[in-house]
C-alpha atoms as a PDB file:
ATOM      1  CA  UNK A   1     145.963  21.737  78.929  1.00  0.00           C
ATOM      2  CA  UNK A   2     145.969  19.985  75.542  1.00  0.00           C
ATOM      3  CA  UNK A   3     148.373  17.385  76.950  1.00  0.00           C
ATOM      4  CA  UNK A   4     146.009  16.295  79.701  1.00  0.00           C
ATOM      5  CA  UNK A   5     143.000  16.539  77.422  1.00  0.00           C
ATOM      6  CA  UNK A   6     144.640  14.132  74.958  1.00  0.00           C
ATOM      7  CA  UNK A   7     145.505  11.755  77.811  1.00  0.00           C
ATOM      8  CA  UNK A   8     141.916  11.846  78.996  1.00  0.00           C
ATOM      9  CA  UNK A   9     140.713  11.007  75.496  1.00  0.00           C
ATOM     10  CA  UNK A  10     143.194   8.106  75.318  1.00  0.00           C
ATOM     11  CA  UNK A  11     141.954   6.645  78.611  1.00  0.00           C
ATOM     12  CA  UNK A  12     138.357   6.991  77.439  1.00  0.00           C
ATOM     13  CA  UNK A  13     139.121   5.496  74.009  1.00  0.00           C
ATOM     14  CA  UNK A  14     141.103   2.523  75.330  1.00  0.00           C
ATOM     15  CA  UNK A  15     138.610   1.663  78.044  1.00  0.00           C
ATOM     16  CA  UNK A  16     135.609   2.183  75.765  1.00  0.00           C
ATOM     17  CA  UNK A  17     137.064  -0.033  73.022  1.00  0.00           C
ATOM     18  CA  UNK A  18     137.768  -2.963  75.344  1.00  0.00           C
ATOM     19  CA  UNK A  19     134.443  -2.792  77.163  1.00  0.00           C
ATOM     20  CA  UNK A  20     132.363  -2.133  74.043  1.00  0.00           C
ATOM     21  CA  UNK A  21     134.062  -4.946  72.151  1.00  0.00           C
ATOM     22  CA  UNK A  22     133.530  -7.306  75.092  1.00  0.00           C
ATOM     23  CA  UNK A  23     129.883  -6.275  75.393  1.00  0.00           C
ATOM     24  CA  UNK A  24     129.307  -6.679  71.662  1.00  0.00           C
ATOM     25  CA  UNK A  25     130.719 -10.237  71.718  1.00  0.00           C
ATOM     26  CA  UNK A  26     128.601 -11.354  74.698  1.00  0.00           C
ATOM     27  CA  UNK A  27     125.344  -9.540  73.894  1.00  0.00           C
ATOM     28  CA  UNK A  28     122.518 -11.984  73.235  1.00  0.00           C
ATOM     29  CA  UNK A  29     120.378 -11.063  70.239  1.00  0.00           C
ATOM     30  CA  UNK A  30     117.653 -12.734  68.211  1.00  0.00           C
ATOM     31  CA  UNK A  31     119.488 -12.401  64.905  1.00  0.00           C
ATOM     32  CA  UNK A  32     122.998 -13.483  63.940  1.00  0.00           C
ATOM     33  CA  UNK A  33     125.986 -11.964  65.725  1.00  0.00           C
ATOM     34  CA  UNK A  34     128.197  -9.701  63.645  1.00  0.00           C
ATOM     35  CA  UNK A  35     131.285 -11.229  62.063  1.00  0.00           C
ATOM     36  CA  UNK A  36     134.582 -10.249  63.715  1.00  0.00           C
ATOM     37  CA  UNK A  37     136.299 -10.525  60.316  1.00  0.00           C
ATOM     38  CA  UNK A  38     133.801  -8.048  58.862  1.00  0.00           C
ATOM     39  CA  UNK A  39     134.424  -5.584  61.690  1.00  0.00           C
ATOM     40  CA  UNK A  40     138.181  -5.772  61.048  1.00  0.00           C
ATOM     41  CA  UNK A  41     137.662  -4.989  57.351  1.00  0.00           C
ATOM     42  CA  UNK A  42     135.319  -2.093  58.166  1.00  0.00           C
ATOM     43  CA  UNK A  43     137.871  -0.625  60.598  1.00  0.00           C
ATOM     44  CA  UNK A  44     140.598  -0.776  57.933  1.00  0.00           C
ATOM     45  CA  UNK A  45     138.389   1.063  55.436  1.00  0.00           C
ATOM     46  CA  UNK A  46     137.568   3.761  57.980  1.00  0.00           C
ATOM     47  CA  UNK A  47     141.250   4.091  58.914  1.00  0.00           C
ATOM     48  CA  UNK A  48     142.198   4.584  55.245  1.00  0.00           C
ATOM     49  CA  UNK A  49     139.524   7.264  54.825  1.00  0.00           C
ATOM     50  CA  UNK A  50     140.652   9.157  57.947  1.00  0.00           C
ATOM     51  CA  UNK A  51     144.347   9.007  56.988  1.00  0.00           C
ATOM     52  CA  UNK A  52     143.500  10.124  53.446  1.00  0.00           C
ATOM     53  CA  UNK A  53     141.687  13.137  54.869  1.00  0.00           C
ATOM     54  CA  UNK A  54     144.720  13.949  57.054  1.00  0.00           C
ATOM     55  CA  UNK A  55     147.015  13.772  54.020  1.00  0.00           C
ATOM     56  CA  UNK A  56     144.530  16.001  52.185  1.00  0.00           C
ATOM     57  CA  UNK A  57     144.733  18.456  55.063  1.00  0.00           C
ATOM     58  CA  UNK A  58     148.547  18.352  55.118  1.00  0.00           C
ATOM     59  CA  UNK A  59     148.491  19.356  51.446  1.00  0.00           C
ATOM     60  CA  UNK A  60     146.371  22.435  52.188  1.00  0.00           C
ATOM     61  CA  UNK A  61     143.184  20.745  50.988  1.00  0.00           C
ATOM     62  CA  UNK A  62     144.521  20.512  47.443  1.00  0.00           C
ATOM     63  CA  UNK A  63     143.196  17.467  45.591  1.00  0.00           C
ATOM     64  CA  UNK A  64     145.884  17.766  42.934  1.00  0.00           C
ATOM     65  CA  UNK A  65     148.713  17.942  45.479  1.00  0.00           C
ATOM     66  CA  UNK A  66     147.340  14.964  47.396  1.00  0.00           C
ATOM     67  CA  UNK A  67     146.985  12.868  44.238  1.00  0.00           C
ATOM     68  CA  UNK A  68     150.533  13.759  43.215  1.00  0.00           C
ATOM     69  CA  UNK A  69     151.892  12.825  46.634  1.00  0.00           C
ATOM     70  CA  UNK A  70     150.079   9.483  46.767  1.00  0.00           C
ATOM     71  CA  UNK A  71     151.174   8.670  43.214  1.00  0.00           C
ATOM     72  CA  UNK A  72     154.824   9.422  44.013  1.00  0.00           C
ATOM     73  CA  UNK A  73     154.912   7.648  47.376  1.00  0.00           C
ATOM     74  CA  UNK A  74     152.573   4.696  46.796  1.00  0.00           C
ATOM     75  CA  UNK A  75     152.250   3.915  43.084  1.00  0.00           C
ATOM     76  CA  UNK A  76     155.715   4.953  41.888  1.00  0.00           C
ATOM     77  CA  UNK A  77     157.506   3.088  44.690  1.00  0.00           C
ATOM     78  CA  UNK A  78     156.055  -0.427  44.549  1.00  0.00           C
ATOM     79  CA  UNK A  79     158.894  -2.060  46.500  1.00  0.00           C
ATOM     80  CA  UNK A  80     158.548   0.451  49.337  1.00  0.00           C
ATOM     81  CA  UNK A  81     154.815  -0.126  49.380  1.00  0.00           C
ATOM     82  CA  UNK A  82     155.230  -3.928  49.379  1.00  0.00           C
ATOM     83  CA  UNK A  83     157.294  -3.714  52.554  1.00  0.00           C
ATOM     84  CA  UNK A  84     154.074  -2.887  54.386  1.00  0.00           C
ATOM     85  CA  UNK A  85     152.487  -6.204  53.376  1.00  0.00           C
ATOM     86  CA  UNK A  86     154.174  -8.095  56.229  1.00  0.00           C
ATOM     87  CA  UNK A  87     153.052  -5.908  59.150  1.00  0.00           C
ATOM     88  CA  UNK A  88     149.633  -5.437  57.520  1.00  0.00           C
ATOM     89  CA  UNK A  89     149.050  -9.196  57.416  1.00  0.00           C
ATOM     90  CA  UNK A  90     150.203  -9.583  61.024  1.00  0.00           C
ATOM     91  CA  UNK A  91     148.058  -6.687  62.237  1.00  0.00           C
ATOM     92  CA  UNK A  92     145.033  -8.206  60.498  1.00  0.00           C
ATOM     93  CA  UNK A  93     145.652 -11.484  62.312  1.00  0.00           C
ATOM     94  CA  UNK A  94     146.129  -9.592  65.577  1.00  0.00           C
ATOM     95  CA  UNK A  95     142.871  -7.659  65.245  1.00  0.00           C
ATOM     96  CA  UNK A  96     140.944 -10.885  64.669  1.00  0.00           C
ATOM     97  CA  UNK A  97     142.651 -12.490  67.675  1.00  0.00           C
ATOM     98  CA  UNK A  98     141.525  -9.643  69.920  1.00  0.00           C
ATOM     99  CA  UNK A  99     137.896 -10.385  69.074  1.00  0.00           C
ATOM    100  CA  UNK A 100     138.491 -14.045  69.970  1.00  0.00           C
ATOM    101  CA  UNK A 101     140.150 -13.003  73.227  1.00  0.00           C
ATOM    102  CA  UNK A 102     137.317 -10.710  74.301  1.00  0.00           C
ATOM    103  CA  UNK A 103     134.777 -13.378  73.435  1.00  0.00           C
ATOM    104  CA  UNK A 104     136.399 -15.657  76.026  1.00  0.00           C
ATOM    105  CA  UNK A 105     137.910 -13.351  78.660  1.00  0.00           C
ATOM    106  CA  UNK A 106     136.453 -10.640  80.851  1.00  0.00           C
ATOM    107  CA  UNK A 107     137.557  -7.107  80.050  1.00  0.00           C
ATOM    108  CA  UNK A 108     139.762  -6.663  83.128  1.00  0.00           C
ATOM    109  CA  UNK A 109     141.776  -9.862  82.605  1.00  0.00           C
ATOM    110  CA  UNK A 110     142.184  -9.038  78.925  1.00  0.00           C
ATOM    111  CA  UNK A 111     143.406  -5.505  79.650  1.00  0.00           C
ATOM    112  CA  UNK A 112     146.077  -6.644  82.089  1.00  0.00           C
ATOM    113  CA  UNK A 113     147.252  -9.650  80.074  1.00  0.00           C
ATOM    114  CA  UNK A 114     147.493  -7.634  76.856  1.00  0.00           C
ATOM    115  CA  UNK A 115     150.179  -5.486  78.518  1.00  0.00           C
ATOM    116  CA  UNK A 116     152.536  -8.379  77.722  1.00  0.00           C
ATOM    117  CA  UNK A 117     152.941  -6.624  74.373  1.00  0.00           C
ATOM    118  CA  UNK A 118     155.407  -4.398  76.240  1.00  0.00           C
ATOM    119  CA  UNK A 119     157.560  -7.499  76.789  1.00  0.00           C
ATOM    120  CA  UNK A 120     157.327  -8.757  73.210  1.00  0.00           C
ATOM    121  CA  UNK A 121     158.002  -5.280  71.803  1.00  0.00           C
ATOM    122  CA  UNK A 122     161.085  -4.923  74.009  1.00  0.00           C
ATOM    123  CA  UNK A 123     162.461  -8.331  73.002  1.00  0.00           C
ATOM    124  CA  UNK A 124     161.919  -7.700  69.284  1.00  0.00           C
ATOM    125  CA  UNK A 125     163.475  -4.240  69.651  1.00  0.00           C
ATOM    126  CA  UNK A 126     166.603  -5.806  71.133  1.00  0.00           C
ATOM    127  CA  UNK A 127     166.850  -8.524  68.471  1.00  0.00           C
ATOM    128  CA  UNK A 128     165.784  -6.545  65.367  1.00  0.00           C
ATOM    129  CA  UNK A 129     166.902  -2.984  66.112  1.00  0.00           C
ATOM    130  CA  UNK A 130     169.855  -3.666  68.387  1.00  0.00           C
ATOM    131  CA  UNK A 131     168.316  -1.509  71.105  1.00  0.00           C
ATOM    132  CA  UNK A 132     169.742  -1.765  74.602  1.00  0.00           C
ATOM    133  CA  UNK A 133     167.537  -1.936  77.660  1.00  0.00           C
ATOM    134  CA  UNK A 134     168.479  -0.464  81.016  1.00  0.00           C
ATOM    135  CA  UNK A 135     168.302  -2.114  84.420  1.00  0.00           C
ATOM    136  CA  UNK A 136     164.918  -0.567  85.232  1.00  0.00           C
ATOM    137  CA  UNK A 137     163.491  -1.809  81.938  1.00  0.00           C
ATOM    138  CA  UNK A 138     164.571  -5.409  82.509  1.00  0.00           C
ATOM    139  CA  UNK A 139     163.211  -5.196  86.059  1.00  0.00           C
ATOM    140  CA  UNK A 140     159.918  -3.858  84.709  1.00  0.00           C
ATOM    141  CA  UNK A 141     159.657  -6.815  82.309  1.00  0.00           C
ATOM    142  CA  UNK A 142     160.142  -9.266  85.196  1.00  0.00           C
ATOM    143  CA  UNK A 143     157.436  -7.450  87.164  1.00  0.00           C
ATOM    144  CA  UNK A 144     155.193  -7.591  84.117  1.00  0.00           C
ATOM    145  CA  UNK A 145     155.528 -11.362  83.712  1.00  0.00           C
ATOM    146  CA  UNK A 146     154.933 -11.900  87.436  1.00  0.00           C
ATOM    147  CA  UNK A 147     151.861  -9.664  87.377  1.00  0.00           C
ATOM    148  CA  UNK A 148     150.281 -11.346  84.362  1.00  0.00           C
ATOM    149  CA  UNK A 149     150.952 -14.770  85.901  1.00  0.00           C
ATOM    150  CA  UNK A 150     149.075 -13.759  89.055  1.00  0.00           C
ATOM    151  CA  UNK A 151     146.192 -12.309  87.025  1.00  0.00           C
ATOM    152  CA  UNK A 152     145.788 -15.658  85.263  1.00  0.00           C
ATOM    153  CA  UNK A 153     146.098 -17.649  88.495  1.00  0.00           C
ATOM    154  CA  UNK A 154     143.210 -20.174  88.681  1.00  0.00           C
ATOM    155  CA  UNK A 155     140.521 -19.740  91.323  1.00  0.00           C
ATOM    156  CA  UNK A 156     138.485 -22.424  93.040  1.00  0.00           C
ATOM    157  CA  UNK A 157     134.847 -22.926  92.153  1.00  0.00           C
ATOM    158  CA  UNK A 158     132.126 -25.135  93.585  1.00  0.00           C
ATOM    159  CA  UNK A 159     130.601 -26.113  90.253  1.00  0.00           C
ATOM    160  CA  UNK A 160     133.115 -28.511  88.673  1.00  0.00           C
ATOM    161  CA  UNK A 161     131.369 -28.702  85.281  1.00  0.00           C
ATOM    162  CA  UNK A 162     131.134 -24.911  85.023  1.00  0.00           C
ATOM    163  CA  UNK A 163     134.789 -24.713  86.065  1.00  0.00           C
ATOM    164  CA  UNK A 164     135.828 -27.002  83.212  1.00  0.00           C
ATOM    165  CA  UNK A 165     133.862 -24.971  80.696  1.00  0.00           C
ATOM    166  CA  UNK A 166     135.182 -21.700  82.079  1.00  0.00           C
ATOM    167  CA  UNK A 167     138.760 -22.986  82.115  1.00  0.00           C
ATOM    168  CA  UNK A 168     138.515 -24.115  78.490  1.00  0.00           C
ATOM    169  CA  UNK A 169     137.096 -20.764  77.423  1.00  0.00           C
ATOM    170  CA  UNK A 170     139.758 -18.853  79.366  1.00  0.00           C
ATOM    171  CA  UNK A 171     142.504 -20.973  77.792  1.00  0.00           C
ATOM    172  CA  UNK A 172     141.276 -20.064  74.298  1.00  0.00           C
ATOM    173  CA  UNK A 173     141.117 -16.398  75.286  1.00  0.00           C
ATOM    174  CA  UNK A 174     144.569 -16.511  76.877  1.00  0.00           C
ATOM    175  CA  UNK A 175     146.144 -18.145  73.810  1.00  0.00           C
ATOM    176  CA  UNK A 176     144.518 -15.495  71.590  1.00  0.00           C
ATOM    177  CA  UNK A 177     145.905 -12.668  73.759  1.00  0.00           C
ATOM    178  CA  UNK A 178     149.400 -14.187  73.837  1.00  0.00           C
ATOM    179  CA  UNK A 179     149.447 -14.607  70.055  1.00  0.00           C
ATOM    180  CA  UNK A 180     148.194 -11.021  69.695  1.00  0.00           C
ATOM    181  CA  UNK A 181     150.992  -9.799  71.984  1.00  0.00           C
ATOM    182  CA  UNK A 182     153.650 -11.566  69.906  1.00  0.00           C
ATOM    183  CA  UNK A 183     152.208 -10.300  66.625  1.00  0.00           C
ATOM    184  CA  UNK A 184     151.835  -6.790  68.042  1.00  0.00           C
ATOM    185  CA  UNK A 185     155.465  -6.726  69.172  1.00  0.00           C
ATOM    186  CA  UNK A 186     156.908  -8.008  65.908  1.00  0.00           C
ATOM    187  CA  UNK A 187     154.722  -5.901  63.618  1.00  0.00           C
ATOM    188  CA  UNK A 188     155.279  -2.762  65.689  1.00  0.00           C
ATOM    189  CA  UNK A 189     159.083  -3.082  65.628  1.00  0.00           C
ATOM    190  CA  UNK A 190     159.090  -4.038  61.935  1.00  0.00           C
ATOM    191  CA  UNK A 191     156.956  -0.990  61.108  1.00  0.00           C
ATOM    192  CA  UNK A 192     159.200   1.230  63.222  1.00  0.00           C
ATOM    193  CA  UNK A 193     162.220  -0.024  61.281  1.00  0.00           C
ATOM    194  CA  UNK A 194     160.508   0.922  58.016  1.00  0.00           C
ATOM    195  CA  UNK A 195     159.601   4.373  59.342  1.00  0.00           C
ATOM    196  CA  UNK A 196     163.189   5.007  60.408  1.00  0.00           C
ATOM    197  CA  UNK A 197     164.495   4.152  56.935  1.00  0.00           C
ATOM    198  CA  UNK A 198     162.291   6.650  55.102  1.00  0.00           C
ATOM    199  CA  UNK A 199     160.964  10.178  55.635  1.00  0.00           C
ATOM    200  CA  UNK A 200     157.447   9.475  54.458  1.00  0.00           C
ATOM    201  CA  UNK A 201     154.484  10.923  56.296  1.00  0.00           C
ATOM    202  CA  UNK A 202     153.177   8.536  58.950  1.00  0.00           C
ATOM    203  CA  UNK A 203     149.681   9.031  57.490  1.00  0.00           C
ATOM    204  CA  UNK A 204     150.865   7.931  54.024  1.00  0.00           C
ATOM    205  CA  UNK A 205     152.440   4.864  55.588  1.00  0.00           C
ATOM    206  CA  UNK A 206     149.173   4.131  57.381  1.00  0.00           C
ATOM    207  CA  UNK A 207     147.297   4.373  54.081  1.00  0.00           C
ATOM    208  CA  UNK A 208     149.671   1.801  52.592  1.00  0.00           C
ATOM    209  CA  UNK A 209     149.276  -0.358  55.682  1.00  0.00           C
ATOM    210  CA  UNK A 210     145.505  -0.015  55.535  1.00  0.00           C
ATOM    211  CA  UNK A 211     145.328  -1.013  51.865  1.00  0.00           C
ATOM    212  CA  UNK A 212     147.153  -4.266  52.531  1.00  0.00           C
ATOM    213  CA  UNK A 213     145.161  -4.748  55.733  1.00  0.00           C
ATOM    214  CA  UNK A 214     141.940  -4.413  53.748  1.00  0.00           C
ATOM    215  CA  UNK A 215     143.096  -6.964  51.150  1.00  0.00           C
ATOM    216  CA  UNK A 216     144.190  -9.497  53.786  1.00  0.00           C
ATOM    217  CA  UNK A 217     141.161  -8.878  55.964  1.00  0.00           C
ATOM    218  CA  UNK A 218     138.691  -9.166  53.100  1.00  0.00           C
ATOM    219  CA  UNK A 219     140.371 -12.337  51.844  1.00  0.00           C
ATOM    220  CA  UNK A 220     140.283 -13.842  55.329  1.00  0.00           C
ATOM    221  CA  UNK A 221     136.621 -12.954  55.682  1.00  0.00           C
ATOM    222  CA  UNK A 222     135.779 -14.726  52.429  1.00  0.00           C
ATOM    223  CA  UNK A 223     137.807 -17.806  53.391  1.00  0.00           C
ATOM    224  CA  UNK A 224     136.529 -18.267  56.956  1.00  0.00           C
ATOM    225  CA  UNK A 225     133.107 -16.607  56.831  1.00  0.00           C
ATOM    226  CA  UNK A 226     132.350 -16.729  53.109  1.00  0.00           C
ATOM    227  CA  UNK A 227     129.294 -18.936  53.510  1.00  0.00           C
ATOM    228  CA  UNK A 228     127.741 -16.678  56.162  1.00  0.00           C
ATOM    229  CA  UNK A 229     128.546 -13.562  54.110  1.00  0.00           C
ATOM    230  CA  UNK A 230     126.807 -15.056  51.063  1.00  0.00           C
ATOM    231  CA  UNK A 231     123.784 -16.017  53.165  1.00  0.00           C
ATOM    232  CA  UNK A 232     123.260 -12.857  55.234  1.00  0.00           C
ATOM    233  CA  UNK A 233     125.681 -10.264  53.856  1.00  0.00           C
ATOM    234  CA  UNK A 234     128.884  -8.708  55.154  1.00  0.00           C
ATOM    235  CA  UNK A 235     127.116  -6.386  57.584  1.00  0.00           C
ATOM    236  CA  UNK A 236     124.892  -8.970  59.246  1.00  0.00           C
ATOM    237  CA  UNK A 237     124.321  -8.345  62.937  1.00  0.00           C
ATOM    238  CA  UNK A 238     125.583  -4.752  62.734  1.00  0.00           C
ATOM    239  CA  UNK A 239     124.008  -2.341  65.179  1.00  0.00           C
ATOM    240  CA  UNK A 240     124.972   0.819  67.041  1.00  0.00           C
ATOM    241  CA  UNK A 241     127.320  -1.095  69.351  1.00  0.00           C
ATOM    242  CA  UNK A 242     129.073  -2.779  66.429  1.00  0.00           C
ATOM    243  CA  UNK A 243     129.561   0.515  64.598  1.00  0.00           C
ATOM    244  CA  UNK A 244     130.958   2.035  67.802  1.00  0.00           C
ATOM    245  CA  UNK A 245     133.509  -0.794  68.068  1.00  0.00           C
ATOM    246  CA  UNK A 246     134.591  -0.261  64.449  1.00  0.00           C
ATOM    247  CA  UNK A 247     135.000   3.501  64.926  1.00  0.00           C
ATOM    248  CA  UNK A 248     136.924   3.132  68.196  1.00  0.00           C
ATOM    249  CA  UNK A 249     139.247   0.538  66.701  1.00  0.00           C
ATOM    250  CA  UNK A 250     139.942   2.616  63.602  1.00  0.00           C
ATOM    251  CA  UNK A 251     140.530   5.873  65.438  1.00  0.00           C
ATOM    252  CA  UNK A 252     142.588   4.436  68.279  1.00  0.00           C
ATOM    253  CA  UNK A 253     145.907   5.007  66.526  1.00  0.00           C
ATOM    254  CA  UNK A 254     145.059   8.622  65.779  1.00  0.00           C
ATOM    255  CA  UNK A 255     144.328   9.297  69.448  1.00  0.00           C
ATOM    256  CA  UNK A 256     147.651   7.759  70.483  1.00  0.00           C
ATOM    257  CA  UNK A 257     149.467   9.852  67.881  1.00  0.00           C
ATOM    258  CA  UNK A 258     148.058  13.015  69.475  1.00  0.00           C
ATOM    259  CA  UNK A 259     149.069  11.810  72.938  1.00  0.00           C
ATOM    260  CA  UNK A 260     152.629  11.066  71.836  1.00  0.00           C
ATOM    261  CA  UNK A 261     152.829  14.499  70.204  1.00  0.00           C
ATOM    262  CA  UNK A 262     151.649  16.500  73.218  1.00  0.00           C
ATOM    263  CA  UNK A 263     152.519  14.185  76.126  1.00  0.00           C
ATOM    264  CA  UNK A 264     155.218  11.587  76.799  1.00  0.00           C
ATOM    265  CA  UNK A 265     155.709   7.911  77.630  1.00  0.00           C
ATOM    266  CA  UNK A 266     155.497   8.424  81.391  1.00  0.00           C
ATOM    267  CA  UNK A 267     152.111  10.116  81.169  1.00  0.00           C
ATOM    268  CA  UNK A 268     150.998   7.487  78.679  1.00  0.00           C
ATOM    269  CA  UNK A 269     151.785   4.972  81.443  1.00  0.00           C
ATOM    270  CA  UNK A 270     149.311   6.802  83.660  1.00  0.00           C
ATOM    271  CA  UNK A 271     146.719   6.522  80.881  1.00  0.00           C
ATOM    272  CA  UNK A 272     147.306   2.780  80.497  1.00  0.00           C
ATOM    273  CA  UNK A 273     147.043   2.222  84.240  1.00  0.00           C
ATOM    274  CA  UNK A 274     143.871   4.299  84.552  1.00  0.00           C
ATOM    275  CA  UNK A 275     142.378   2.348  81.660  1.00  0.00           C
ATOM    276  CA  UNK A 276     143.080  -0.971  83.412  1.00  0.00           C
ATOM    277  CA  UNK A 277     141.495   0.289  86.642  1.00  0.00           C
ATOM    278  CA  UNK A 278     138.429   1.659  84.834  1.00  0.00           C
ATOM    279  CA  UNK A 279     137.999  -1.575  82.855  1.00  0.00           C
ATOM    280  CA  UNK A 280     138.149  -3.581  86.085  1.00  0.00           C
ATOM    281  CA  UNK A 281     135.569  -1.422  87.863  1.00  0.00           C
ATOM    282  CA  UNK A 282     133.134  -1.278  84.916  1.00  0.00           C
ATOM    283  CA  UNK A 283     133.569  -4.994  84.205  1.00  0.00           C
ATOM    284  CA  UNK A 284     132.677  -5.726  87.839  1.00  0.00           C
ATOM    285  CA  UNK A 285     129.872  -3.232  88.455  1.00  0.00           C
ATOM    286  CA  UNK A 286     128.186  -2.941  85.026  1.00  0.00           C
ATOM    287  CA  UNK A 287     129.013  -5.998  82.907  1.00  0.00           C
ATOM    288  CA  UNK A 288     129.032  -8.256  86.004  1.00  0.00           C
ATOM    289  CA  UNK A 289     131.322 -10.738  84.234  1.00  0.00           C
ATOM    290  CA  UNK A 290     134.255 -10.396  86.602  1.00  0.00           C
ATOM    291  CA  UNK A 291     134.798 -11.199  90.280  1.00  0.00           C
ATOM    292  CA  UNK A 292     138.182  -9.817  91.361  1.00  0.00           C
ATOM    293  CA  UNK A 293     140.329 -11.689  93.869  1.00  0.00           C
ATOM    294  CA  UNK A 294     143.224 -10.550  96.024  1.00  0.00           C
ATOM    295  CA  UNK A 295     145.632 -12.349  93.709  1.00  0.00           C
ATOM    296  CA  UNK A 296     144.215 -10.460  90.722  1.00  0.00           C
ATOM    297  CA  UNK A 297     144.663  -7.106  92.457  1.00  0.00           C
ATOM    298  CA  UNK A 298     148.271  -7.944  93.362  1.00  0.00           C
ATOM    299  CA  UNK A 299     148.933  -8.921  89.745  1.00  0.00           C
ATOM    300  CA  UNK A 300     147.259  -5.767  88.408  1.00  0.00           C
ATOM    301  CA  UNK A 301     149.356  -3.580  90.722  1.00  0.00           C
ATOM    302  CA  UNK A 302     152.533  -5.297  89.469  1.00  0.00           C
ATOM    303  CA  UNK A 303     151.517  -4.721  85.841  1.00  0.00           C
ATOM    304  CA  UNK A 304     150.779  -1.048  86.507  1.00  0.00           C
ATOM    305  CA  UNK A 305     154.108  -0.653  88.336  1.00  0.00           C
ATOM    306  CA  UNK A 306     155.906  -2.352  85.426  1.00  0.00           C
ATOM    307  CA  UNK A 307     154.277   0.058  82.969  1.00  0.00           C
ATOM    308  CA  UNK A 308     155.555   3.069  84.915  1.00  0.00           C
ATOM    309  CA  UNK A 309     159.023   1.586  85.391  1.00  0.00           C
ATOM    310  CA  UNK A 310     159.471   0.744  81.704  1.00  0.00           C
ATOM    311  CA  UNK A 311     158.287   4.178  80.553  1.00  0.00           C
ATOM    312  CA  UNK A 312     160.510   5.960  83.089  1.00  0.00           C
ATOM    313  CA  UNK A 313     163.665   4.333  81.748  1.00  0.00           C
ATOM    314  CA  UNK A 314     162.751   4.469  78.037  1.00  0.00           C
ATOM    315  CA  UNK A 315     162.169   8.228  77.803  1.00  0.00           C
ATOM    316  CA  UNK A 316     165.687   9.540  78.425  1.00  0.00           C
ATOM    317  CA  UNK A 317     167.364   6.625  76.653  1.00  0.00           C
ATOM    318  CA  UNK A 318     165.699   6.888  73.271  1.00  0.00           C
ATOM    319  CA  UNK A 319     162.564   8.972  73.573  1.00  0.00           C
ATOM    320  CA  UNK A 320     161.878   9.682  69.927  1.00  0.00           C
ATOM    321  CA  UNK A 321     162.189   6.113  68.691  1.00  0.00           C
ATOM    322  CA  UNK A 322     160.216   4.725  71.613  1.00  0.00           C
ATOM    323  CA  UNK A 323     157.507   7.295  70.980  1.00  0.00           C
ATOM    324  CA  UNK A 324     157.300   6.263  67.346  1.00  0.00           C
ATOM    325  CA  UNK A 325     157.137   2.613  68.339  1.00  0.00           C
ATOM    326  CA  UNK A 326     154.479   3.228  70.941  1.00  0.00           C
ATOM    327  CA  UNK A 327     152.264   5.164  68.539  1.00  0.00           C
ATOM    328  CA  UNK A 328     152.563   2.573  65.791  1.00  0.00           C
ATOM    329  CA  UNK A 329     152.104  -0.320  68.199  1.00  0.00           C
ATOM    330  CA  UNK A 330     148.936   1.126  69.659  1.00  0.00           C
ATOM    331  CA  UNK A 331     147.558   2.347  66.348  1.00  0.00           C
ATOM    332  CA  UNK A 332     146.394  -1.124  65.467  1.00  0.00           C
END
């Protein structure tokens, strides 16, 4: 029962995050729109607070024990902590790219295209961890590339000027998604390698990751949006929708961790596929920013099939490491 409940929560969380983020970036308001860089920083702070509470809980709600643990694992091991700077910086870049992507792509196209992170993760796993992929996994990666290509296939439009503008916007969104997929794959495998080398709690590691993510995110916000922050403050344009996006983004990794604990990669494939279908339907019926074509549906089916095929082969081959990688990869 808990297994299917956690999967249901994952589907809801994934779909809600994509659609809410898309809605928040296209919503027309009288005041200034919220800064994506600010939302990234806020999510990192919330993630640190949640992980700190979980460490507190693991230590039987003892403040002294938690302080001792954090001192030993974070402060007293500076070199171990510094290792997290690389994935933290990449994840910060990735999170900002996702806001750019959803500002220029509809939710359904984004959801399907972002599954290319499966490909980048697999390639980095082979090159950095020496992992071997089976026949079904390589076949699933070919299906994935074919599916994403069909999803991005251009459609004809009567309004040539609108087509040019739309094509330019889609190109920006596509480049942002592709860069996010590459960064997600590299950072996820790098983080997995660190986790395999130590026996630290995953929540402690996430605190370390969050601290660096906050530093990089805050610095980036000051560099790129410093003028706007000084004029209207860091939380300009924040509303209920914005706060919902921040909470969903911060808690996403925790939901995936529960799913990986009580379910498996095959069932997680079902969750991913259901999320893509739900995003497509809601994007079409409610947001009205997406008109599906036959080519898109064929591409989406190929992506969903590739997700199942890759998960089916990965579970018996190296279930525990793939589970760790999946949870870390999706946590950000």
